[in-house]
N, C-alpha and C. Protein backbone atom coordinates (compact mmCIF):
# COMPACT_ATOMS: atom_id res chain seq x y z
N MET A 1 81.64 -7.75 3.16
CA MET A 1 80.07 -7.22 3.63
C MET A 1 79.48 -7.88 4.19
N ASN A 2 78.65 -7.21 5.00
CA ASN A 2 77.56 -7.65 6.08
C ASN A 2 76.07 -7.47 5.64
N TYR A 3 75.51 -8.78 6.03
CA TYR A 3 74.13 -8.63 5.58
C TYR A 3 73.03 -9.14 6.58
N GLY A 4 71.93 -8.56 6.83
CA GLY A 4 71.11 -9.09 7.64
C GLY A 4 70.04 -9.12 7.13
N LEU A 5 68.94 -9.75 7.85
CA LEU A 5 67.79 -10.37 7.74
C LEU A 5 67.07 -10.67 9.01
N TYR A 6 65.48 -9.85 8.84
CA TYR A 6 64.71 -10.30 9.85
C TYR A 6 63.39 -11.09 9.39
N ASP A 7 63.33 -12.23 10.15
CA ASP A 7 62.40 -13.23 9.32
C ASP A 7 61.09 -12.93 10.45
N TYR A 8 60.02 -12.14 9.27
CA TYR A 8 58.56 -11.61 10.38
C TYR A 8 57.87 -12.82 10.60
N SER A 9 57.94 -13.73 10.15
CA SER A 9 57.43 -15.01 10.03
C SER A 9 57.80 -16.49 10.20
N PRO A 10 58.79 -16.66 11.19
CA PRO A 10 59.50 -17.59 11.02
C PRO A 10 58.82 -19.14 11.04
N LEU A 11 59.06 -20.01 10.61
CA LEU A 11 58.56 -21.59 10.71
C LEU A 11 58.95 -21.81 12.13
N GLN A 12 58.14 -22.65 12.80
CA GLN A 12 58.72 -23.35 14.47
C GLN A 12 59.73 -24.52 13.41
N GLY A 13 60.82 -24.38 14.97
CA GLY A 13 61.71 -25.24 14.32
C GLY A 13 63.03 -25.20 13.58
N ARG A 14 63.75 -25.80 13.09
CA ARG A 14 64.61 -25.39 11.96
C ARG A 14 64.51 -25.01 10.65
N SER A 15 65.14 -23.92 10.53
CA SER A 15 64.92 -23.61 8.90
C SER A 15 66.44 -23.01 8.43
N TYR A 16 66.53 -22.82 7.42
CA TYR A 16 67.73 -22.95 6.51
C TYR A 16 67.85 -21.46 5.94
N TYR A 17 68.89 -20.68 5.92
CA TYR A 17 68.90 -19.43 5.05
C TYR A 17 69.96 -19.25 4.28
N ARG A 18 69.83 -18.76 3.17
CA ARG A 18 71.04 -18.51 2.50
C ARG A 18 70.98 -17.31 1.43
N LEU A 19 71.88 -16.96 0.93
CA LEU A 19 71.69 -15.79 -0.04
C LEU A 19 72.30 -16.37 -1.17
N LYS A 20 71.66 -15.62 -2.43
CA LYS A 20 71.48 -16.00 -4.00
C LYS A 20 72.61 -14.46 -4.38
N SER A 21 73.88 -14.54 -4.74
CA SER A 21 74.44 -13.39 -5.14
C SER A 21 74.24 -13.56 -6.83
N ILE A 22 73.98 -12.17 -7.27
CA ILE A 22 73.66 -12.44 -8.61
C ILE A 22 74.59 -11.23 -9.35
N ASP A 23 75.53 -11.78 -10.16
CA ASP A 23 76.43 -10.67 -10.96
C ASP A 23 75.48 -10.05 -12.13
N ARG A 24 76.39 -8.65 -12.43
CA ARG A 24 75.63 -8.17 -13.95
C ARG A 24 75.26 -9.10 -14.87
N ASP A 25 76.37 -10.13 -15.23
CA ASP A 25 76.44 -10.60 -16.11
C ASP A 25 75.53 -12.13 -16.27
N GLY A 26 74.91 -12.12 -14.90
CA GLY A 26 73.60 -13.25 -14.95
C GLY A 26 74.21 -14.37 -14.17
N SER A 27 75.98 -14.48 -13.90
CA SER A 27 76.19 -15.57 -13.07
C SER A 27 75.60 -15.18 -11.69
N PHE A 28 75.67 -16.41 -11.04
CA PHE A 28 75.43 -16.10 -9.32
C PHE A 28 75.99 -17.69 -8.74
N GLU A 29 76.09 -17.10 -7.24
CA GLU A 29 76.45 -18.01 -6.30
C GLU A 29 75.78 -17.83 -5.34
N HIS A 30 75.24 -19.09 -4.60
CA HIS A 30 74.86 -19.44 -3.28
C HIS A 30 75.99 -19.45 -2.15
N SER A 31 75.86 -18.47 -1.06
CA SER A 31 76.13 -18.57 0.31
C SER A 31 75.98 -19.77 0.86
N HIS A 32 76.75 -20.07 2.26
CA HIS A 32 76.55 -21.30 2.51
C HIS A 32 75.38 -21.04 3.52
N ASN A 33 74.97 -22.31 4.03
CA ASN A 33 73.67 -22.29 4.62
C ASN A 33 73.80 -22.05 6.37
N GLU A 34 72.73 -20.96 6.93
CA GLU A 34 72.44 -20.68 8.26
C GLU A 34 71.46 -21.62 8.89
N VAL A 35 71.66 -21.97 9.81
CA VAL A 35 70.44 -23.02 10.47
C VAL A 35 69.78 -22.36 11.57
N VAL A 36 69.12 -21.94 12.03
CA VAL A 36 68.21 -21.39 12.80
C VAL A 36 66.68 -22.22 13.33
N ASN A 37 67.15 -22.25 14.56
CA ASN A 37 66.25 -23.32 15.19
C ASN A 37 65.22 -22.23 16.01
N TYR A 38 63.90 -21.98 15.61
CA TYR A 38 63.25 -20.93 16.30
C TYR A 38 62.29 -21.75 17.32
N SER A 39 62.02 -21.43 18.45
CA SER A 39 61.30 -21.74 19.22
C SER A 39 60.39 -20.44 19.93
N SER A 40 59.31 -20.88 19.90
CA SER A 40 58.17 -20.01 20.64
C SER A 40 57.98 -19.50 21.95
N VAL A 41 57.70 -18.68 22.11
CA VAL A 41 57.59 -18.08 23.85
C VAL A 41 56.47 -18.96 24.59
N MET A 42 55.84 -19.92 23.80
CA MET A 42 54.62 -20.38 24.82
C MET A 42 54.95 -21.84 24.64
N GLY A 43 56.58 -22.62 24.53
CA GLY A 43 57.18 -23.72 24.68
C GLY A 43 58.33 -23.47 23.66
N GLY A 44 58.68 -25.35 23.51
CA GLY A 44 59.77 -25.48 23.27
C GLY A 44 61.05 -25.39 23.63
N PHE A 45 62.30 -25.25 23.30
CA PHE A 45 63.80 -25.43 23.95
C PHE A 45 63.87 -24.34 24.92
N ALA A 46 63.21 -23.14 24.64
CA ALA A 46 63.93 -21.94 25.50
C ALA A 46 62.81 -21.32 25.70
N GLN A 47 62.74 -20.13 26.20
CA GLN A 47 61.79 -19.43 26.79
C GLN A 47 62.10 -17.82 27.23
N VAL A 48 61.50 -17.00 27.25
CA VAL A 48 61.86 -15.47 27.43
C VAL A 48 60.38 -14.95 28.55
N PHE A 49 60.66 -14.81 29.47
CA PHE A 49 59.62 -14.09 30.39
C PHE A 49 60.29 -12.93 31.56
N PRO A 50 59.35 -12.04 31.52
CA PRO A 50 57.63 -11.74 30.70
C PRO A 50 57.90 -11.26 29.60
N ASN A 51 57.03 -11.57 28.61
CA ASN A 51 57.08 -10.87 27.31
C ASN A 51 55.82 -10.68 27.11
N PRO A 52 55.03 -8.98 26.70
CA PRO A 52 56.54 -7.78 26.43
C PRO A 52 57.02 -7.64 27.89
N ASN A 53 57.75 -6.69 27.69
CA ASN A 53 58.47 -6.52 29.40
C ASN A 53 59.27 -5.14 29.05
N ASP A 54 59.85 -4.86 30.46
CA ASP A 54 60.12 -3.37 30.11
C ASP A 54 61.36 -3.37 30.07
N GLY A 55 62.04 -4.27 29.46
CA GLY A 55 63.55 -4.40 28.97
C GLY A 55 64.44 -5.03 29.74
N SER A 56 63.89 -5.88 31.03
CA SER A 56 64.51 -6.52 32.08
C SER A 56 63.54 -7.70 31.64
N PHE A 57 64.28 -9.12 31.42
CA PHE A 57 63.93 -10.52 31.26
C PHE A 57 64.63 -11.39 31.77
N THR A 58 63.85 -12.95 31.65
CA THR A 58 64.44 -13.85 31.78
C THR A 58 64.46 -15.19 30.89
N ILE A 59 65.55 -15.44 30.47
CA ILE A 59 65.91 -16.22 29.70
C ILE A 59 65.80 -18.08 30.14
N GLN A 60 64.81 -18.58 30.19
CA GLN A 60 65.08 -20.12 30.37
C GLN A 60 65.37 -20.85 29.41
N PHE A 61 66.49 -21.63 29.56
CA PHE A 61 67.14 -22.56 28.64
C PHE A 61 67.53 -23.90 29.50
N GLU A 62 67.47 -24.99 28.64
CA GLU A 62 67.30 -26.68 29.25
C GLU A 62 69.07 -26.24 30.01
N ASP A 63 69.82 -25.89 29.24
CA ASP A 63 71.31 -25.96 30.12
C ASP A 63 72.56 -24.78 29.75
N TYR A 64 72.54 -23.65 30.59
CA TYR A 64 73.12 -22.37 30.37
C TYR A 64 74.49 -22.98 29.95
N GLY A 65 75.39 -24.39 30.01
CA GLY A 65 76.68 -24.48 29.94
C GLY A 65 76.54 -24.66 28.50
N ARG A 66 75.60 -25.19 27.79
CA ARG A 66 75.73 -25.20 26.28
C ARG A 66 76.04 -23.77 25.69
N ILE A 67 75.37 -22.44 26.17
CA ILE A 67 75.39 -21.29 25.58
C ILE A 67 76.56 -20.70 25.44
N LEU A 68 76.89 -20.46 23.50
CA LEU A 68 78.26 -19.75 23.67
C LEU A 68 77.90 -18.02 23.91
N SER A 69 76.81 -17.78 23.08
CA SER A 69 76.69 -16.53 23.52
C SER A 69 74.86 -16.02 23.21
N ILE A 70 74.54 -14.85 23.56
CA ILE A 70 73.40 -14.79 23.60
C ILE A 70 73.25 -12.91 22.42
N GLU A 71 72.68 -13.16 21.70
CA GLU A 71 72.79 -11.70 20.71
C GLU A 71 71.29 -11.27 20.82
N ILE A 72 71.27 -9.84 20.95
CA ILE A 72 69.97 -9.28 20.72
C ILE A 72 70.28 -8.23 19.43
N HIS A 73 69.01 -8.75 18.32
CA HIS A 73 69.29 -7.97 17.01
C HIS A 73 68.08 -7.15 17.28
N ASP A 74 67.86 -5.80 16.87
CA ASP A 74 66.49 -5.14 16.76
C ASP A 74 66.10 -5.58 15.49
N ALA A 75 64.72 -4.88 14.95
CA ALA A 75 63.86 -5.24 14.27
C ALA A 75 64.36 -4.97 12.47
N LEU A 76 65.69 -4.54 12.47
CA LEU A 76 66.04 -4.33 11.34
C LEU A 76 67.31 -5.59 10.86
N GLY A 77 67.53 -6.48 12.14
CA GLY A 77 68.70 -7.24 12.50
C GLY A 77 69.87 -7.05 12.43
N GLN A 78 69.86 -5.59 13.38
CA GLN A 78 71.63 -5.13 13.62
C GLN A 78 71.77 -5.79 15.25
N ILE A 79 72.51 -6.41 15.29
CA ILE A 79 73.19 -6.60 16.51
C ILE A 79 72.99 -5.42 17.66
N VAL A 80 72.72 -5.40 18.32
CA VAL A 80 72.33 -4.24 19.69
C VAL A 80 73.62 -4.61 20.68
N ARG A 81 73.62 -6.06 21.07
CA ARG A 81 74.04 -6.35 22.14
C ARG A 81 74.91 -7.96 22.30
N ILE A 82 75.77 -8.11 22.35
CA ILE A 82 75.96 -9.79 22.46
C ILE A 82 76.83 -9.96 23.99
N ILE A 83 75.97 -10.95 24.44
CA ILE A 83 76.67 -11.58 25.75
C ILE A 83 77.17 -12.96 25.84
N GLU A 84 78.80 -12.86 26.09
CA GLU A 84 78.98 -13.99 25.72
C GLU A 84 79.54 -14.89 26.87
N ASN A 85 79.41 -16.24 26.76
CA ASN A 85 79.21 -17.03 27.51
C ASN A 85 78.33 -16.81 29.38
N PRO A 86 77.15 -16.38 28.57
CA PRO A 86 76.27 -16.13 29.99
C PRO A 86 75.94 -17.27 31.20
N ALA A 87 76.17 -16.61 32.60
CA ALA A 87 76.28 -17.85 33.57
C ALA A 87 74.65 -17.81 33.93
N GLN A 88 73.78 -16.90 33.84
CA GLN A 88 72.58 -16.97 34.06
C GLN A 88 71.98 -16.42 32.88
N GLY A 89 70.48 -16.51 32.89
CA GLY A 89 69.05 -15.80 31.90
C GLY A 89 68.93 -14.49 31.90
N ASN A 90 69.08 -13.85 33.45
CA ASN A 90 68.70 -12.63 33.47
C ASN A 90 69.47 -11.59 32.51
N ILE A 91 68.61 -11.01 32.01
CA ILE A 91 69.11 -10.24 30.83
C ILE A 91 68.16 -8.45 30.91
N SER A 92 69.36 -7.49 30.53
CA SER A 92 68.60 -6.46 31.34
C SER A 92 68.76 -5.49 29.85
N ILE A 93 68.07 -5.03 29.07
CA ILE A 93 68.18 -3.98 27.49
C ILE A 93 67.58 -2.43 27.95
N SER A 94 67.46 -2.43 29.23
CA SER A 94 66.18 -1.19 29.37
C SER A 94 66.90 -0.01 28.55
N ALA A 95 67.96 0.31 28.49
CA ALA A 95 68.97 1.17 27.52
C ALA A 95 68.09 0.99 26.48
N LEU A 96 67.57 0.29 25.92
CA LEU A 96 67.09 0.25 24.42
C LEU A 96 65.42 0.86 24.40
N THR A 97 65.23 1.29 23.17
CA THR A 97 64.43 1.70 23.08
C THR A 97 63.18 0.69 22.39
N ASN A 98 61.51 1.46 22.76
CA ASN A 98 60.73 0.80 22.68
C ASN A 98 60.65 -0.53 21.45
N GLY A 99 60.21 -1.56 21.31
CA GLY A 99 60.15 -2.50 19.91
C GLY A 99 60.31 -3.59 20.00
N LEU A 100 60.21 -4.24 18.75
CA LEU A 100 60.43 -5.69 18.47
C LEU A 100 61.95 -6.00 18.84
N TYR A 101 62.43 -6.99 19.53
CA TYR A 101 63.70 -7.55 19.50
C TYR A 101 63.74 -8.90 19.52
N SER A 102 65.09 -9.24 18.69
CA SER A 102 65.11 -11.24 18.55
C SER A 102 66.29 -11.40 19.49
N ILE A 103 66.15 -12.26 20.21
CA ILE A 103 67.32 -13.13 21.03
C ILE A 103 67.45 -13.79 20.10
N SER A 104 68.51 -14.21 20.11
CA SER A 104 69.49 -15.38 19.59
C SER A 104 70.26 -16.11 20.02
N ILE A 105 70.13 -17.27 21.06
CA ILE A 105 70.96 -18.05 21.40
C ILE A 105 71.77 -19.08 21.00
N ARG A 106 72.84 -18.90 20.90
CA ARG A 106 73.93 -19.81 19.93
C ARG A 106 74.34 -20.70 21.02
N THR A 107 74.38 -22.20 20.77
CA THR A 107 75.15 -23.31 20.96
C THR A 107 76.06 -23.74 20.31
N GLN A 108 77.10 -24.81 20.47
CA GLN A 108 78.06 -25.38 19.49
C GLN A 108 77.55 -25.75 18.10
N ASN A 109 76.14 -26.21 18.30
CA ASN A 109 75.68 -26.80 16.71
C ASN A 109 74.02 -26.13 16.22
N GLU A 110 73.90 -25.06 17.51
CA GLU A 110 72.58 -25.10 16.85
C GLU A 110 72.21 -23.18 17.28
N ARG A 111 71.15 -22.81 16.60
CA ARG A 111 71.09 -21.64 17.14
C ARG A 111 69.21 -21.38 17.35
N PHE A 112 69.02 -20.68 18.66
CA PHE A 112 67.76 -20.52 18.76
C PHE A 112 66.76 -19.07 18.90
N THR A 113 66.23 -19.02 18.44
CA THR A 113 65.23 -17.35 17.90
C THR A 113 64.16 -16.93 18.56
N ILE A 114 63.84 -15.98 19.70
CA ILE A 114 62.63 -15.93 20.12
C ILE A 114 63.00 -14.37 20.47
N PRO A 115 61.38 -14.19 19.64
CA PRO A 115 61.20 -12.49 19.64
C PRO A 115 60.84 -12.15 21.08
N VAL A 116 61.31 -10.65 21.54
CA VAL A 116 60.76 -10.27 22.63
C VAL A 116 60.30 -8.67 21.96
N ILE A 117 59.14 -8.56 23.06
CA ILE A 117 58.86 -6.95 22.62
C ILE A 117 59.11 -6.21 24.28
N VAL A 118 59.92 -4.85 23.86
CA VAL A 118 60.38 -4.16 24.98
C VAL A 118 59.50 -2.82 24.95
N SER A 119 58.36 -2.79 26.10
CA SER A 119 57.98 -1.44 26.07
C SER A 119 57.65 -0.75 27.34
N GLN A 120 58.58 0.52 27.68
CA GLN A 120 58.75 0.52 28.89
C GLN A 120 57.73 1.93 29.29
């Protein structure tokens, strides 16, 4: 099974998420923790500009060599694009519809998430 979640009010810095699965008999178990490091557009470890944008934007990151992938999620948390081992921070998602997207930058040990608004 696959699950998705979009946190509309994330806390700055590191947040921990997990699922609690409850069976019909009342027994339950927790999933492993997923760590997300949220940084705002106005500062922090990663930045996106311009934001809002027309589907073309730049990601400014401290060290691109550390990035394993960039995932673009829609407002429902569905992955709409994955960029593996990006060489640079210029991204184009102009084929997507207007709306709120989440850019998730994954390194070996961390994940940074930044909201992006596409308005063409």
